[in-house]
Each structure stands twice: as structure tokens, then as C-alpha cells.
Amino acid sequence: MRIDKFLKTSRLIKRRTVAQEACDGGRVTISGKTAKPSSEVKEGDVVEIRFGAKTVRVEVLSADEKTRPADAPAMFRQLTGADTP
């Protein structure tokens, strides 16, 4: 699955265009490498997103393109971010 679509489907970023802009701005990495909006993400990858001073790191658990909003939290496991010091 494309990283921009994953970020939107998993509800980590609200809109796909915002996810594309974050990738274009160099604020998204996949396993340590800067991601383009079309970069592929798969199970086991670690995605890091920088939101200003806050950084969110998640591990991809599922990359299903068709996911219901209620199942979105099961797509990733948060490693660091808002809830973690």
C-alpha cells in the first residue's frame, strides 16, 4: 500500500492530500528512509511522522486497503508519540 494512503486509511493523518504534503516535505520516514507519497509500506515497517515539535513512531501491523474506520487502530502499534513520554 502507498504510504499516503496508509496514513489516511489508518487515521494517522486526516486527509490524503495532507499525507502527501507531509511526505513531500520530508516529514515522513519508513524504516529510517525518507518517504515519497508513492513509497510502499508493508507489515513490520516502522513509520515516523514529524508534526512540528512532536514525532509519532508506529509499527505497521496491517496494510489492508479496505479497512473500516472502526478497525483503523488495529492497523498499527504506536511506539512513541502523543501518549508516550
N, C-alpha and C. Protein backbone atom coordinates (compact mmCIF):
# COMPACT_ATOMS: atom_id res chain seq x y z
N MET A 1 0.85 -1.17 0.00
CA MET A 1 0.00 0.00 0.00
C MET A 1 0.90 1.24 0.00
N ARG A 2 0.47 2.28 -0.67
CA ARG A 2 1.20 3.55 -0.68
C ARG A 2 1.16 4.18 0.71
N ILE A 3 2.23 4.86 1.09
CA ILE A 3 2.31 5.46 2.43
C ILE A 3 1.25 6.53 2.62
N ASP A 4 0.98 7.35 1.59
CA ASP A 4 -0.04 8.39 1.76
C ASP A 4 -1.41 7.79 2.01
N LYS A 5 -1.72 6.70 1.33
CA LYS A 5 -3.00 6.03 1.54
C LYS A 5 -3.04 5.34 2.90
N PHE A 6 -1.92 4.74 3.32
CA PHE A 6 -1.87 4.11 4.63
C PHE A 6 -2.12 5.13 5.74
N LEU A 7 -1.47 6.29 5.66
CA LEU A 7 -1.64 7.31 6.70
C LEU A 7 -3.09 7.77 6.79
N LYS A 8 -3.76 7.87 5.66
CA LYS A 8 -5.17 8.28 5.66
C LYS A 8 -6.08 7.14 6.14
N THR A 9 -5.86 5.94 5.62
CA THR A 9 -6.70 4.79 5.98
C THR A 9 -6.58 4.45 7.46
N SER A 10 -5.37 4.57 8.00
CA SER A 10 -5.16 4.25 9.41
C SER A 10 -5.56 5.39 10.34
N ARG A 11 -5.97 6.50 9.76
CA ARG A 11 -6.42 7.69 10.51
C ARG A 11 -5.28 8.37 11.28
N LEU A 12 -4.02 8.12 10.89
CA LEU A 12 -2.90 8.85 11.50
C LEU A 12 -2.89 10.29 11.00
N ILE A 13 -3.29 10.49 9.75
CA ILE A 13 -3.46 11.82 9.17
C ILE A 13 -4.85 11.86 8.57
N LYS A 14 -5.54 12.98 8.75
CA LYS A 14 -6.96 13.06 8.42
C LYS A 14 -7.26 12.99 6.92
N ARG A 15 -6.43 13.64 6.09
CA ARG A 15 -6.70 13.68 4.66
C ARG A 15 -5.48 13.20 3.88
N ARG A 16 -5.75 12.58 2.73
CA ARG A 16 -4.67 12.05 1.90
C ARG A 16 -3.80 13.16 1.34
N THR A 17 -4.39 14.29 0.99
CA THR A 17 -3.58 15.41 0.47
C THR A 17 -2.62 15.92 1.53
N VAL A 18 -3.05 15.94 2.79
CA VAL A 18 -2.17 16.35 3.88
C VAL A 18 -1.04 15.33 4.05
N ALA A 19 -1.36 14.05 3.91
CA ALA A 19 -0.35 12.99 3.99
C ALA A 19 0.67 13.15 2.86
N GLN A 20 0.19 13.48 1.65
CA GLN A 20 1.10 13.69 0.52
C GLN A 20 2.01 14.88 0.78
N GLU A 21 1.46 15.96 1.33
CA GLU A 21 2.27 17.14 1.63
C GLU A 21 3.32 16.84 2.70
N ALA A 22 2.95 16.04 3.69
CA ALA A 22 3.90 15.66 4.75
C ALA A 22 5.06 14.85 4.15
N CYS A 23 4.75 13.95 3.23
CA CYS A 23 5.79 13.15 2.57
C CYS A 23 6.67 14.04 1.70
N ASP A 24 6.06 14.92 0.93
CA ASP A 24 6.81 15.82 0.07
C ASP A 24 7.71 16.75 0.88
N GLY A 25 7.29 17.10 2.09
CA GLY A 25 8.07 17.97 2.95
C GLY A 25 9.16 17.25 3.73
N GLY A 26 9.30 15.94 3.53
CA GLY A 26 10.35 15.18 4.19
C GLY A 26 10.07 14.89 5.66
N ARG A 27 8.79 14.94 6.06
CA ARG A 27 8.44 14.71 7.47
C ARG A 27 8.02 13.28 7.77
N VAL A 28 8.05 12.40 6.75
CA VAL A 28 7.65 11.01 6.95
C VAL A 28 8.81 10.11 6.54
N THR A 29 9.14 9.14 7.41
CA THR A 29 10.15 8.15 7.07
C THR A 29 9.57 6.75 7.26
N ILE A 30 10.09 5.83 6.44
CA ILE A 30 9.72 4.41 6.56
C ILE A 30 11.01 3.66 6.85
N SER A 31 11.09 3.08 8.03
CA SER A 31 12.28 2.33 8.48
C SER A 31 13.56 3.15 8.27
N GLY A 32 13.49 4.44 8.61
CA GLY A 32 14.66 5.29 8.57
C GLY A 32 14.94 5.99 7.25
N LYS A 33 14.17 5.70 6.20
CA LYS A 33 14.38 6.32 4.89
C LYS A 33 13.24 7.30 4.60
N THR A 34 13.60 8.48 4.08
CA THR A 34 12.59 9.48 3.75
C THR A 34 11.63 8.90 2.71
N ALA A 35 10.33 9.12 2.95
CA ALA A 35 9.30 8.52 2.10
C ALA A 35 8.70 9.54 1.14
N LYS A 36 8.49 9.10 -0.09
CA LYS A 36 7.71 9.86 -1.07
C LYS A 36 6.27 9.40 -0.90
N PRO A 37 5.28 10.17 -1.39
CA PRO A 37 3.89 9.74 -1.24
C PRO A 37 3.61 8.36 -1.85
N SER A 38 4.36 7.99 -2.88
CA SER A 38 4.12 6.71 -3.55
C SER A 38 4.93 5.55 -2.96
N SER A 39 5.73 5.81 -1.93
CA SER A 39 6.52 4.74 -1.32
C SER A 39 5.61 3.66 -0.76
N GLU A 40 6.03 2.41 -0.92
CA GLU A 40 5.24 1.28 -0.44
C GLU A 40 5.53 1.01 1.04
N VAL A 41 4.48 0.69 1.77
CA VAL A 41 4.61 0.32 3.18
C VAL A 41 4.03 -1.07 3.34
N LYS A 42 4.68 -1.89 4.20
CA LYS A 42 4.21 -3.26 4.42
C LYS A 42 4.27 -3.59 5.90
N GLU A 43 3.72 -4.72 6.27
CA GLU A 43 3.72 -5.14 7.66
C GLU A 43 5.15 -5.21 8.18
N GLY A 44 5.35 -4.70 9.40
CA GLY A 44 6.66 -4.73 10.03
C GLY A 44 7.46 -3.45 9.85
N ASP A 45 7.08 -2.59 8.90
CA ASP A 45 7.78 -1.32 8.72
C ASP A 45 7.52 -0.39 9.90
N VAL A 46 8.50 0.45 10.21
CA VAL A 46 8.34 1.47 11.24
C VAL A 46 8.21 2.81 10.54
N VAL A 47 7.09 3.47 10.76
CA VAL A 47 6.80 4.76 10.13
C VAL A 47 6.95 5.85 11.18
N GLU A 48 7.68 6.90 10.83
CA GLU A 48 7.89 8.03 11.73
C GLU A 48 7.35 9.28 11.05
N ILE A 49 6.50 10.03 11.77
CA ILE A 49 5.90 11.25 11.24
C ILE A 49 6.22 12.39 12.19
N ARG A 50 6.75 13.48 11.65
CA ARG A 50 7.07 14.65 12.46
C ARG A 50 5.99 15.70 12.28
N PHE A 51 5.33 16.06 13.37
CA PHE A 51 4.32 17.12 13.41
C PHE A 51 4.89 18.26 14.22
N GLY A 52 5.61 19.18 13.60
CA GLY A 52 6.23 20.27 14.35
C GLY A 52 7.23 19.73 15.36
N ALA A 53 6.97 19.97 16.64
CA ALA A 53 7.89 19.52 17.70
C ALA A 53 7.60 18.07 18.13
N LYS A 54 6.47 17.52 17.72
CA LYS A 54 6.07 16.18 18.14
C LYS A 54 6.41 15.16 17.04
N THR A 55 6.90 14.02 17.44
CA THR A 55 7.20 12.93 16.50
C THR A 55 6.41 11.70 16.92
N VAL A 56 5.76 11.08 15.94
CA VAL A 56 4.98 9.87 16.19
C VAL A 56 5.64 8.72 15.44
N ARG A 57 5.94 7.62 16.15
CA ARG A 57 6.51 6.42 15.55
C ARG A 57 5.52 5.27 15.74
N VAL A 58 5.22 4.59 14.64
CA VAL A 58 4.31 3.46 14.70
C VAL A 58 4.89 2.29 13.91
N GLU A 59 4.52 1.09 14.31
CA GLU A 59 4.87 -0.12 13.57
C GLU A 59 3.63 -0.55 12.80
N VAL A 60 3.79 -0.84 11.53
CA VAL A 60 2.67 -1.25 10.67
C VAL A 60 2.34 -2.70 10.98
N LEU A 61 1.08 -2.94 11.36
CA LEU A 61 0.62 -4.30 11.64
C LEU A 61 -0.20 -4.86 10.49
N SER A 62 -0.86 -3.97 9.74
CA SER A 62 -1.70 -4.38 8.62
C SER A 62 -1.69 -3.29 7.57
N ALA A 63 -1.66 -3.69 6.30
CA ALA A 63 -1.68 -2.71 5.21
C ALA A 63 -2.84 -3.00 4.27
N ASP A 64 -4.00 -3.33 4.84
CA ASP A 64 -5.19 -3.60 4.03
C ASP A 64 -5.75 -2.29 3.48
N GLU A 65 -6.03 -2.28 2.18
CA GLU A 65 -6.54 -1.06 1.56
C GLU A 65 -7.99 -0.80 1.93
N LYS A 66 -8.74 -1.85 2.21
CA LYS A 66 -10.15 -1.68 2.56
C LYS A 66 -10.33 -1.96 4.05
N THR A 67 -10.33 -0.89 4.82
CA THR A 67 -10.45 -1.00 6.27
C THR A 67 -11.55 -0.08 6.75
N ARG A 68 -12.40 -0.60 7.60
CA ARG A 68 -13.46 0.24 8.17
C ARG A 68 -12.87 1.18 9.21
N PRO A 69 -13.48 2.34 9.41
CA PRO A 69 -12.97 3.29 10.41
C PRO A 69 -12.81 2.68 11.80
N ALA A 70 -13.69 1.78 12.17
CA ALA A 70 -13.61 1.16 13.50
C ALA A 70 -12.39 0.24 13.62
N ASP A 71 -11.90 -0.28 12.51
CA ASP A 71 -10.75 -1.19 12.52
C ASP A 71 -9.41 -0.49 12.31
N ALA A 72 -9.43 0.82 12.09
CA ALA A 72 -8.20 1.58 11.80
C ALA A 72 -7.14 1.47 12.89
N PRO A 73 -7.48 1.53 14.18
CA PRO A 73 -6.44 1.41 15.21
C PRO A 73 -5.69 0.08 15.20
N ALA A 74 -6.26 -0.95 14.62
CA ALA A 74 -5.61 -2.26 14.55
C ALA A 74 -4.57 -2.33 13.44
N MET A 75 -4.45 -1.27 12.63
CA MET A 75 -3.50 -1.26 11.52
C MET A 75 -2.08 -0.96 11.97
N PHE A 76 -1.92 -0.41 13.19
CA PHE A 76 -0.59 -0.03 13.65
C PHE A 76 -0.48 -0.16 15.15
N ARG A 77 0.78 -0.20 15.63
CA ARG A 77 1.07 -0.19 17.06
C ARG A 77 1.94 1.02 17.31
N GLN A 78 1.48 1.89 18.20
CA GLN A 78 2.22 3.12 18.48
C GLN A 78 3.46 2.83 19.32
N LEU A 79 4.61 3.30 18.83
CA LEU A 79 5.87 3.10 19.55
C LEU A 79 6.20 4.33 20.40
N THR A 80 6.04 5.52 19.84
CA THR A 80 6.21 6.78 20.58
C THR A 80 5.25 7.78 19.99
N GLY A 81 4.99 8.84 20.77
CA GLY A 81 4.12 9.88 20.26
C GLY A 81 3.38 10.58 21.37
N ALA A 82 2.16 10.96 21.09
CA ALA A 82 1.37 11.79 21.98
C ALA A 82 1.14 11.14 23.35
N ASP A 83 0.87 9.82 23.36
CA ASP A 83 0.53 9.15 24.62
C ASP A 83 1.77 8.66 25.37
N THR A 84 2.93 8.69 24.72
CA THR A 84 4.15 8.15 25.32
C THR A 84 5.13 9.28 25.60
N PRO A 85 5.74 9.33 26.78
CA PRO A 85 6.70 10.43 27.05
C PRO A 85 7.94 10.33 26.20
